Amino acid sequence: MSARKDETGTAAGPCLKVEKSGHVAWLVLNRPRQRNTMTPEFFDEITRRFEEFDADPDVRVVVIRAEGKSFTAGLDLVAAQALLGDGSAVYRDWLYRKIKQLQASMTAVEKCRKPVIAAIHGHCIGGGVDLTSACDIRIASEDAVFSIR
């Protein structure tokens, strides 16, 4: 799915939007009603976005922030139900490959040659801790709460 751009040049996908100001790219987690939970689309989208940031000579720094009350509540457990299977060898092989793909999205953040700053507020749970750990700099508001369950 390609991102759509509005009249201000903001690019938005189903989970993320990008705002550019000068040489700063703002990657905005944009599912506030769902506390910015991470869906399969999120993982695909973040990988693609960081490949674009890394290749864009106009981007000199990336700041990740979030809309709503939480930075992220982590993995979307409803969407993650699709990862449940029958335990067969075929399923385990598929799950192994899927987990590697999901982990690659965090690696894309870590491998970006531009400095990546996480601006964290509210809850930062599970996969959110992974995401912020892949960033070069983490800045947290006073109300930030970190948790791994």
Protein backbone atom coordinates (compact mmCIF):
# COMPACT_ATOMS: atom_id res chain seq x y z
CA MET A 1 0.00 0.00 0.00
CA SER A 2 1.50 3.35 -0.94
CA ALA A 3 1.22 6.34 1.30
CA ARG A 4 -1.18 9.10 0.43
CA LYS A 5 -0.08 12.72 0.70
CA ASP A 6 -2.29 15.60 1.76
CA GLU A 7 -2.02 19.24 0.74
CA THR A 8 0.79 19.85 3.30
CA GLY A 9 2.93 17.03 1.94
CA THR A 10 2.27 14.76 4.92
CA ALA A 11 2.44 11.12 3.88
CA ALA A 12 0.17 8.71 5.74
CA GLY A 13 -0.31 4.96 5.76
CA PRO A 14 -2.62 2.85 7.91
CA CYS A 15 -0.41 3.06 11.02
CA LEU A 16 2.14 5.79 10.48
CA LYS A 17 2.37 9.24 9.02
CA VAL A 18 5.45 11.20 8.03
CA GLU A 19 5.80 14.93 8.44
CA LYS A 20 8.89 16.71 7.16
CA SER A 21 10.17 20.01 8.45
CA GLY A 22 13.45 21.10 6.93
CA HIS A 23 15.84 18.19 7.29
CA VAL A 24 13.82 16.54 10.06
CA ALA A 25 11.49 13.64 9.29
CA TRP A 26 8.84 13.08 11.95
CA LEU A 27 7.56 9.51 11.98
CA VAL A 28 4.24 9.62 13.81
CA LEU A 29 2.56 6.52 15.26
CA ASN A 30 -0.96 7.31 14.18
CA ARG A 31 -3.47 4.87 15.67
CA PRO A 32 -4.37 6.79 18.85
CA ARG A 33 -7.74 5.07 19.41
CA GLN A 34 -5.92 1.73 19.54
CA ARG A 35 -3.11 3.19 21.71
CA ASN A 36 -0.79 2.90 18.68
CA THR A 37 -0.66 -0.88 18.91
CA MET A 38 1.58 -2.64 16.42
CA THR A 39 -0.19 -4.60 13.68
CA PRO A 40 1.34 -6.59 10.81
CA GLU A 41 0.82 -3.46 8.65
CA PHE A 42 2.80 -1.43 11.20
CA PHE A 43 5.82 -3.71 10.91
CA ASP A 44 5.75 -3.61 7.09
CA GLU A 45 5.24 0.13 7.07
CA ILE A 46 8.03 0.98 9.52
CA THR A 47 10.51 -1.14 7.56
CA ARG A 48 9.62 0.66 4.33
CA ARG A 49 9.72 4.11 5.96
CA PHE A 50 13.19 3.59 7.41
CA GLU A 51 14.52 2.34 4.09
CA GLU A 52 13.16 5.58 2.56
CA PHE A 53 14.67 7.78 5.30
CA ASP A 54 18.04 6.10 4.94
CA ALA A 55 18.06 6.72 1.18
CA ASP A 56 16.74 10.32 1.31
CA PRO A 57 19.61 12.86 1.26
CA ASP A 58 17.25 15.59 2.52
CA VAL A 59 16.58 13.71 5.77
CA ARG A 60 19.27 14.32 8.35
CA VAL A 61 17.44 13.14 11.47
CA VAL A 62 14.30 11.09 12.22
CA VAL A 63 12.13 11.71 15.27
CA ILE A 64 9.57 9.08 16.23
CA ARG A 65 6.58 10.38 18.17
CA ALA A 66 3.00 9.25 18.70
CA GLU A 67 -0.51 10.66 18.63
CA GLY A 68 -2.87 10.10 21.55
CA LYS A 69 -2.46 9.10 25.18
CA SER A 70 0.20 6.40 24.65
CA PHE A 71 3.42 6.16 22.71
CA THR A 72 2.46 2.53 22.04
CA ALA A 73 0.76 -0.28 23.89
CA GLY A 74 2.94 -2.75 21.96
CA LEU A 75 1.77 -5.66 19.87
CA ASP A 76 -1.88 -5.63 18.81
CA LEU A 77 -3.01 -8.86 20.45
CA VAL A 78 -6.13 -9.17 18.30
CA ALA A 79 -4.06 -8.95 15.12
CA ALA A 80 -1.45 -11.30 16.63
CA GLN A 81 -4.05 -14.08 16.86
CA ALA A 82 -3.28 -14.71 13.20
CA LEU A 83 0.11 -16.01 14.40
CA LEU A 84 -1.50 -18.88 16.32
CA GLY A 85 -1.37 -22.19 14.56
CA ASP A 86 -1.59 -25.94 14.97
CA GLY A 87 1.97 -26.61 16.15
CA SER A 88 2.89 -28.60 13.05
CA ALA A 89 6.36 -28.46 11.55
CA VAL A 90 5.03 -26.43 8.62
CA TYR A 91 3.44 -23.94 11.01
CA ARG A 92 6.60 -23.68 13.14
CA ASP A 93 8.68 -22.99 10.01
CA TRP A 94 6.20 -20.30 8.89
CA LEU A 95 6.17 -18.74 12.38
CA TYR A 96 9.98 -18.68 12.51
CA ARG A 97 10.08 -16.80 9.19
CA LYS A 98 7.32 -14.42 10.31
CA ILE A 99 9.10 -13.58 13.57
CA LYS A 100 12.32 -12.90 11.63
CA GLN A 101 10.35 -10.54 9.36
CA LEU A 102 8.88 -8.70 12.37
CA GLN A 103 12.31 -8.42 13.98
CA ALA A 104 13.71 -7.00 10.72
CA SER A 105 11.47 -3.97 11.15
CA MET A 106 13.28 -3.03 14.37
CA THR A 107 16.61 -3.75 12.69
CA ALA A 108 15.66 -1.29 9.93
CA VAL A 109 15.38 1.43 12.59
CA GLU A 110 18.72 0.45 14.12
CA LYS A 111 20.49 0.31 10.73
CA CYS A 112 19.29 3.73 9.56
CA ARG A 113 22.37 5.87 8.97
CA LYS A 114 20.53 8.98 10.15
CA PRO A 115 20.21 9.66 13.89
CA VAL A 116 16.86 8.37 15.18
CA ILE A 117 15.29 9.98 18.25
CA ALA A 118 12.34 8.50 20.12
CA ALA A 119 10.09 11.07 21.84
CA ILE A 120 8.15 8.93 24.31
CA HIS A 121 5.08 9.85 26.32
CA GLY A 122 2.51 7.81 28.21
CA HIS A 123 2.72 4.05 27.92
CA CYS A 124 5.57 2.37 26.05
CA ILE A 125 4.87 -1.34 26.36
CA GLY A 126 6.42 -4.49 24.92
CA GLY A 127 7.29 -3.91 21.27
CA GLY A 128 7.48 -0.18 22.02
CA VAL A 129 10.48 -0.87 24.25
CA ASP A 130 12.04 -2.79 21.35
CA LEU A 131 11.32 0.12 19.00
CA THR A 132 12.82 2.74 21.31
CA SER A 133 15.82 0.51 22.03
CA ALA A 134 16.59 0.50 18.30
CA CYS A 135 16.75 4.32 18.32
CA ASP A 136 19.96 6.28 18.90
CA ILE A 137 18.44 8.66 21.46
CA ARG A 138 15.41 8.26 23.72
CA ILE A 139 13.67 11.21 25.35
CA ALA A 140 10.81 10.47 27.74
CA SER A 141 8.23 12.79 29.24
CA GLU A 142 7.58 12.70 32.98
CA ASP A 143 4.44 10.62 32.43
CA ALA A 144 6.25 7.90 30.43
CA VAL A 145 5.79 4.34 31.71
CA PHE A 146 7.85 1.47 30.32
CA SER A 147 6.79 -2.17 30.65
CA ILE A 148 7.65 -5.55 29.23
CA ARG A 149 5.15 -8.28 30.08
